[in-house]
C-alpha atoms as a PDB file:
ATOM      1  CA  MET A   1      60.546  18.991  -4.050  1.00  0.00           C
ATOM      2  CA  PRO A   2      58.415  16.262  -2.429  1.00  0.00           C
ATOM      3  CA  PHE A   3      59.972  13.852   0.010  1.00  0.00           C
ATOM      4  CA  PRO A   4      60.300  10.275  -1.182  1.00  0.00           C
ATOM      5  CA  PRO A   5      58.260   7.687   0.695  1.00  0.00           C
ATOM      6  CA  SER A   6      60.006   6.158   3.666  1.00  0.00           C
ATOM      7  CA  PRO A   7      61.493   2.749   2.955  1.00  0.00           C
ATOM      8  CA  ARG A   8      59.914   1.605   6.228  1.00  0.00           C
ATOM      9  CA  ALA A   9      56.390   2.695   5.262  1.00  0.00           C
ATOM     10  CA  ARG A  10      53.979   0.186   6.709  1.00  0.00           C
ATOM     11  CA  SER A  11      51.003  -1.196   4.963  1.00  0.00           C
ATOM     12  CA  GLY A  12      47.867  -1.941   6.902  1.00  0.00           C
ATOM     13  CA  PRO A  13      46.178  -0.144   9.789  1.00  0.00           C
ATOM     14  CA  ARG A  14      47.962   2.459  11.847  1.00  0.00           C
ATOM     15  CA  ARG A  15      48.497   2.130  15.592  1.00  0.00           C
ATOM     16  CA  ARG A  16      45.988   4.889  16.368  1.00  0.00           C
ATOM     17  CA  SER A  17      43.338   3.122  14.315  1.00  0.00           C
ATOM     18  CA  LEU A  18      43.927  -0.133  16.150  1.00  0.00           C
ATOM     19  CA  LEU A  19      43.806   1.556  19.534  1.00  0.00           C
ATOM     20  CA  ALA A  20      40.567   3.336  18.689  1.00  0.00           C
ATOM     21  CA  VAL A  21      38.922   0.207  17.325  1.00  0.00           C
ATOM     22  CA  GLY A  22      40.240  -1.948  20.181  1.00  0.00           C
ATOM     23  CA  SER A  23      39.019   0.368  22.926  1.00  0.00           C
ATOM     24  CA  THR A  24      35.629   0.723  21.235  1.00  0.00           C
ATOM     25  CA  ALA A  25      35.305  -3.043  20.947  1.00  0.00           C
ATOM     26  CA  LEU A  26      36.209  -3.492  24.611  1.00  0.00           C
ATOM     27  CA  ALA A  27      33.690  -0.865  25.652  1.00  0.00           C
ATOM     28  CA  LEU A  28      30.950  -2.504  23.614  1.00  0.00           C
ATOM     29  CA  ALA A  29      31.833  -5.928  24.955  1.00  0.00           C
ATOM     30  CA  GLY A  30      31.804  -4.584  28.501  1.00  0.00           C
ATOM     31  CA  CYS A  31      28.417  -2.979  28.029  1.00  0.00           C
ATOM     32  CA  THR A  32      26.821  -6.166  26.797  1.00  0.00           C
ATOM     33  CA  ALA A  33      28.693  -8.819  28.759  1.00  0.00           C
ATOM     34  CA  GLY A  34      26.542  -9.557  31.835  1.00  0.00           C
ATOM     35  CA  ASP A  35      23.213  -8.507  30.383  1.00  0.00           C
ATOM     36  CA  GLU A  36      20.518  -9.702  32.755  1.00  0.00           C
ATOM     37  CA  ASP A  37      17.989 -10.194  29.958  1.00  0.00           C
ATOM     38  CA  SER A  38      19.858 -13.055  28.281  1.00  0.00           C
ATOM     39  CA  GLY A  39      16.933 -15.409  28.762  1.00  0.00           C
ATOM     40  CA  ASP A  40      18.796 -17.963  30.896  1.00  0.00           C
ATOM     41  CA  PRO A  41      17.178 -18.084  34.355  1.00  0.00           C
ATOM     42  CA  GLY A  42      20.533 -19.030  35.890  1.00  0.00           C
ATOM     43  CA  ASP A  43      22.026 -15.724  34.718  1.00  0.00           C
ATOM     44  CA  GLY A  44      19.949 -13.583  37.102  1.00  0.00           C
ATOM     45  CA  PRO A  45      21.498 -11.585  39.910  1.00  0.00           C
ATOM     46  CA  SER A  46      22.948 -13.591  42.767  1.00  0.00           C
ATOM     47  CA  ALA A  47      21.841 -13.201  46.363  1.00  0.00           C
ATOM     48  CA  ALA A  48      24.992 -11.178  47.100  1.00  0.00           C
ATOM     49  CA  ASP A  49      24.228  -8.937  44.104  1.00  0.00           C
ATOM     50  CA  ARG A  50      20.664  -8.384  45.326  1.00  0.00           C
ATOM     51  CA  ARG A  51      21.915  -7.570  48.836  1.00  0.00           C
ATOM     52  CA  ALA A  52      24.483  -5.109  47.463  1.00  0.00           C
ATOM     53  CA  ARG A  53      21.805  -3.415  45.342  1.00  0.00           C
ATOM     54  CA  ALA A  54      19.409  -3.229  48.295  1.00  0.00           C
ATOM     55  CA  ARG A  55      22.144  -1.745  50.488  1.00  0.00           C
ATOM     56  CA  ALA A  56      23.039   0.839  47.825  1.00  0.00           C
ATOM     57  CA  ALA A  57      19.356   1.767  47.399  1.00  0.00           C
ATOM     58  CA  ARG A  58      18.934   2.109  51.163  1.00  0.00           C
ATOM     59  CA  ASP A  59      22.064   4.260  51.401  1.00  0.00           C
ATOM     60  CA  SER A  60      20.775   6.576  48.682  1.00  0.00           C
ATOM     61  CA  GLU A  61      17.363   6.773  50.328  1.00  0.00           C
ATOM     62  CA  GLU A  62      18.975   7.701  53.655  1.00  0.00           C
ATOM     63  CA  LEU A  63      21.072  10.356  51.917  1.00  0.00           C
ATOM     64  CA  ALA A  64      17.942  11.785  50.295  1.00  0.00           C
ATOM     65  CA  GLY A  65      16.451  11.904  53.793  1.00  0.00           C
ATOM     66  CA  ARG A  66      19.426  13.957  54.955  1.00  0.00           C
ATOM     67  CA  TYR A  67      18.828  16.363  52.101  1.00  0.00           C
ATOM     68  CA  ASP A  68      15.182  16.585  53.179  1.00  0.00           C
ATOM     69  CA  VAL A  69      16.179  17.456  56.744  1.00  0.00           C
ATOM     70  CA  VAL A  70      18.567  20.192  55.608  1.00  0.00           C
ATOM     71  CA  ILE A  71      16.040  21.616  53.134  1.00  0.00           C
ATOM     72  CA  ALA A  72      13.379  21.694  55.855  1.00  0.00           C
ATOM     73  CA  ALA A  73      15.724  23.354  58.371  1.00  0.00           C
ATOM     74  CA  ARG A  74      17.440  25.730  55.925  1.00  0.00           C
ATOM     75  CA  PRO A  75      14.805  26.739  53.312  1.00  0.00           C
ATOM     76  CA  GLY A  76      17.202  29.258  51.786  1.00  0.00           C
ATOM     77  CA  LEU A  77      19.258  26.321  50.490  1.00  0.00           C
ATOM     78  CA  ALA A  78      16.310  24.521  48.895  1.00  0.00           C
ATOM     79  CA  GLU A  79      16.889  25.822  45.377  1.00  0.00           C
ATOM     80  CA  ARG A  80      20.540  24.785  45.485  1.00  0.00           C
ATOM     81  CA  LEU A  81      19.937  21.385  47.087  1.00  0.00           C
ATOM     82  CA  ARG A  82      16.825  20.195  45.285  1.00  0.00           C
ATOM     83  CA  PRO A  83      18.613  19.124  42.044  1.00  0.00           C
ATOM     84  CA  LEU A  84      21.239  17.212  44.024  1.00  0.00           C
ATOM     85  CA  ARG A  85      18.557  15.514  46.090  1.00  0.00           C
ATOM     86  CA  GLU A  86      16.667  14.529  42.926  1.00  0.00           C
ATOM     87  CA  GLU A  87      19.848  12.916  41.615  1.00  0.00           C
ATOM     88  CA  VAL A  88      20.212  10.950  44.853  1.00  0.00           C
ATOM     89  CA  VAL A  89      16.610   9.740  44.492  1.00  0.00           C
ATOM     90  CA  ARG A  90      17.364   8.637  40.909  1.00  0.00           C
ATOM     91  CA  HIS A  91      20.377   6.738  42.229  1.00  0.00           C
ATOM     92  CA  ALA A  92      18.153   4.904  44.714  1.00  0.00           C
ATOM     93  CA  ARG A  93      15.785   3.966  41.903  1.00  0.00           C
ATOM     94  CA  ALA A  94      18.683   2.772  39.731  1.00  0.00           C
ATOM     95  CA  PHE A  95      19.611   0.360  42.514  1.00  0.00           C
ATOM     96  CA  GLY A  96      16.008  -0.831  42.792  1.00  0.00           C
ATOM     97  CA  GLY A  97      14.783   1.429  45.590  1.00  0.00           C
ATOM     98  CA  GLY A  98      11.271   2.807  45.527  1.00  0.00           C
ATOM     99  CA  ARG A  99      11.605   6.216  47.176  1.00  0.00           C
ATOM    100  CA  LYS A 100       9.219   8.869  45.931  1.00  0.00           C
ATOM    101  CA  ALA A 101      10.613  12.116  44.501  1.00  0.00           C
ATOM    102  CA  SER A 102       8.478  14.194  46.867  1.00  0.00           C
ATOM    103  CA  PRO A 103      10.495  15.545  49.787  1.00  0.00           C
ATOM    104  CA  SER A 104       7.361  15.866  51.931  1.00  0.00           C
ATOM    105  CA  SER A 105       7.008  12.094  52.268  1.00  0.00           C
ATOM    106  CA  SER A 106      10.233  11.734  54.242  1.00  0.00           C
ATOM    107  CA  ALA A 107      10.799  15.182  55.695  1.00  0.00           C
ATOM    108  CA  SER A 108       8.560  14.432  58.646  1.00  0.00           C
ATOM    109  CA  SER A 109      10.160  11.078  59.437  1.00  0.00           C
ATOM    110  CA  ALA A 110      13.782  11.885  58.590  1.00  0.00           C
ATOM    111  CA  PRO A 111      14.599  13.938  61.707  1.00  0.00           C
ATOM    112  CA  SER A 112      13.860  10.933  63.904  1.00  0.00           C
ATOM    113  CA  SER A 113      16.410   8.849  61.999  1.00  0.00           C
ATOM    114  CA  PRO A 114      19.312   7.999  64.316  1.00  0.00           C
ATOM    115  CA  SER A 115      21.867   8.332  61.497  1.00  0.00           C
ATOM    116  CA  ALA A 116      20.819  11.857  60.496  1.00  0.00           C
ATOM    117  CA  PRO A 117      22.836  14.454  62.406  1.00  0.00           C
ATOM    118  CA  ALA A 118      21.278  17.677  63.592  1.00  0.00           C
ATOM    119  CA  VAL A 119      21.365  20.478  61.041  1.00  0.00           C
ATOM    120  CA  PRO A 120      23.868  23.195  61.934  1.00  0.00           C
ATOM    121  CA  GLY A 121      22.661  26.737  62.437  1.00  0.00           C
ATOM    122  CA  ASN A 122      24.253  28.262  59.337  1.00  0.00           C
ATOM    123  CA  ASP A 123      24.160  27.454  55.641  1.00  0.00           C
ATOM    124  CA  ARG A 124      27.869  26.786  55.235  1.00  0.00           C
ATOM    125  CA  ASP A 125      27.957  24.201  58.015  1.00  0.00           C
ATOM    126  CA  ALA A 126      24.731  22.594  56.786  1.00  0.00           C
ATOM    127  CA  LEU A 127      26.312  22.177  53.348  1.00  0.00           C
ATOM    128  CA  ALA A 128      29.442  20.750  54.965  1.00  0.00           C
ATOM    129  CA  VAL A 129      27.351  18.102  56.758  1.00  0.00           C
ATOM    130  CA  LEU A 130      25.782  17.040  53.460  1.00  0.00           C
ATOM    131  CA  ALA A 131      29.166  17.078  51.715  1.00  0.00           C
ATOM    132  CA  ALA A 132      30.610  14.813  54.425  1.00  0.00           C
ATOM    133  CA  ALA A 133      27.697  12.372  54.010  1.00  0.00           C
ATOM    134  CA  GLU A 134      28.125  12.364  50.213  1.00  0.00           C
ATOM    135  CA  ARG A 135      31.903  11.864  50.528  1.00  0.00           C
ATOM    136  CA  GLU A 136      31.569   9.002  53.008  1.00  0.00           C
ATOM    137  CA  LEU A 137      29.004   7.224  50.818  1.00  0.00           C
ATOM    138  CA  ALA A 138      31.026   7.737  47.627  1.00  0.00           C
ATOM    139  CA  ASP A 139      34.105   6.305  49.362  1.00  0.00           C
ATOM    140  CA  ARG A 140      32.144   3.296  50.632  1.00  0.00           C
ATOM    141  CA  ARG A 141      30.770   2.635  47.160  1.00  0.00           C
ATOM    142  CA  ALA A 142      34.200   2.891  45.583  1.00  0.00           C
ATOM    143  CA  LYS A 143      35.491   0.275  48.048  1.00  0.00           C
ATOM    144  CA  ALA A 144      32.512  -1.995  47.337  1.00  0.00           C
ATOM    145  CA  LEU A 145      33.402  -2.183  43.634  1.00  0.00           C
ATOM    146  CA  ILE A 146      35.832  -5.023  44.263  1.00  0.00           C
ATOM    147  CA  GLY A 147      33.211  -7.466  45.487  1.00  0.00           C
ATOM    148  CA  VAL A 148      30.400  -6.987  42.966  1.00  0.00           C
ATOM    149  CA  PRO A 149      29.836  -8.220  39.400  1.00  0.00           C
ATOM    150  CA  GLY A 150      30.339  -6.096  36.277  1.00  0.00           C
ATOM    151  CA  GLU A 151      27.062  -4.282  35.738  1.00  0.00           C
ATOM    152  CA  LEU A 152      26.576  -3.448  39.404  1.00  0.00           C
ATOM    153  CA  ALA A 153      30.224  -2.368  39.642  1.00  0.00           C
ATOM    154  CA  ARG A 154      29.708   0.030  36.735  1.00  0.00           C
ATOM    155  CA  LEU A 155      26.591   1.433  38.380  1.00  0.00           C
ATOM    156  CA  LEU A 156      28.338   1.810  41.746  1.00  0.00           C
ATOM    157  CA  ALA A 157      31.292   3.524  40.075  1.00  0.00           C
ATOM    158  CA  SER A 158      29.010   5.914  38.235  1.00  0.00           C
ATOM    159  CA  VAL A 159      27.028   6.796  41.343  1.00  0.00           C
ATOM    160  CA  ALA A 160      30.218   7.168  43.401  1.00  0.00           C
ATOM    161  CA  ALA A 161      31.528   9.606  40.784  1.00  0.00           C
ATOM    162  CA  ALA A 162      28.251  11.533  40.936  1.00  0.00           C
ATOM    163  CA  GLY A 163      28.588  11.650  44.718  1.00  0.00           C
ATOM    164  CA  ALA A 164      32.088  13.090  44.364  1.00  0.00           C
ATOM    165  CA  ALA A 165      30.682  15.742  42.027  1.00  0.00           C
ATOM    166  CA  HIS A 166      28.013  16.526  44.623  1.00  0.00           C
ATOM    167  CA  VAL A 167      30.750  17.008  47.223  1.00  0.00           C
ATOM    168  CA  TYR A 168      32.396  19.541  44.934  1.00  0.00           C
ATOM    169  CA  LEU A 169      29.120  21.367  44.316  1.00  0.00           C
ATOM    170  CA  LEU A 170      28.351  21.455  48.027  1.00  0.00           C
ATOM    171  CA  THR A 171      31.775  22.677  49.100  1.00  0.00           C
ATOM    172  CA  GLU A 172      33.267  24.608  46.190  1.00  0.00           C
ATOM    173  CA  GLY A 173      30.552  25.218  43.657  1.00  0.00           C
ATOM    174  CA  ASP A 174      28.411  28.312  43.607  1.00  0.00           C
ATOM    175  CA  ALA A 175      25.483  26.564  41.922  1.00  0.00           C
END
C-alpha cells in the first residue's frame, strides 16, 4: 500500500537545488567579478596589486633557484624535483615573472644568492630544506591574501595550496 502524500509537501524548488544553484552562481560571479579586460582603463591593477604580483613572482623565482641549487648538488634527486621546480616556474609566470624553464640559466648564479642556504650532504636533509622554503612561502602567501584584491587573492591562495602540496611531496611523498 503506497503512502499518502505528506500534507506538508512543498511546491517549488528543494533546498538542495537552491544550494547547488546558489553556490554555482556565486562561483561564476566570483570568477568574472574583477576581470581586468573590462575595457575601462581605470579598472587596471593598482600599484599595490602590481607590487604584490612582482613580489610573488620574485619569491617563486627565488624558490626555483633553490630547487636548481639542490638539483645541481644532489643529482640523484633531479627526477623527483624537476616536476616540482617546473610548477614553481609556472607560478612565477602566473604572477608576471619571466623566468626561463631551463635550470641551467640560474644554476650557476643561484649558489651566490645570500638567501639560498647551503645544500645538506644527504638527500633527506636536502629535501627538508626545500620543504621548509616551500612551507615558509606558502604561509607568507596565505597571510598576504587579506591585503590583495579578488583575482590576485585567488591566485595567491591557489599557489599557496600548491606549495603546501609540494611540502607534502617533499617530506612524506615517495614520488
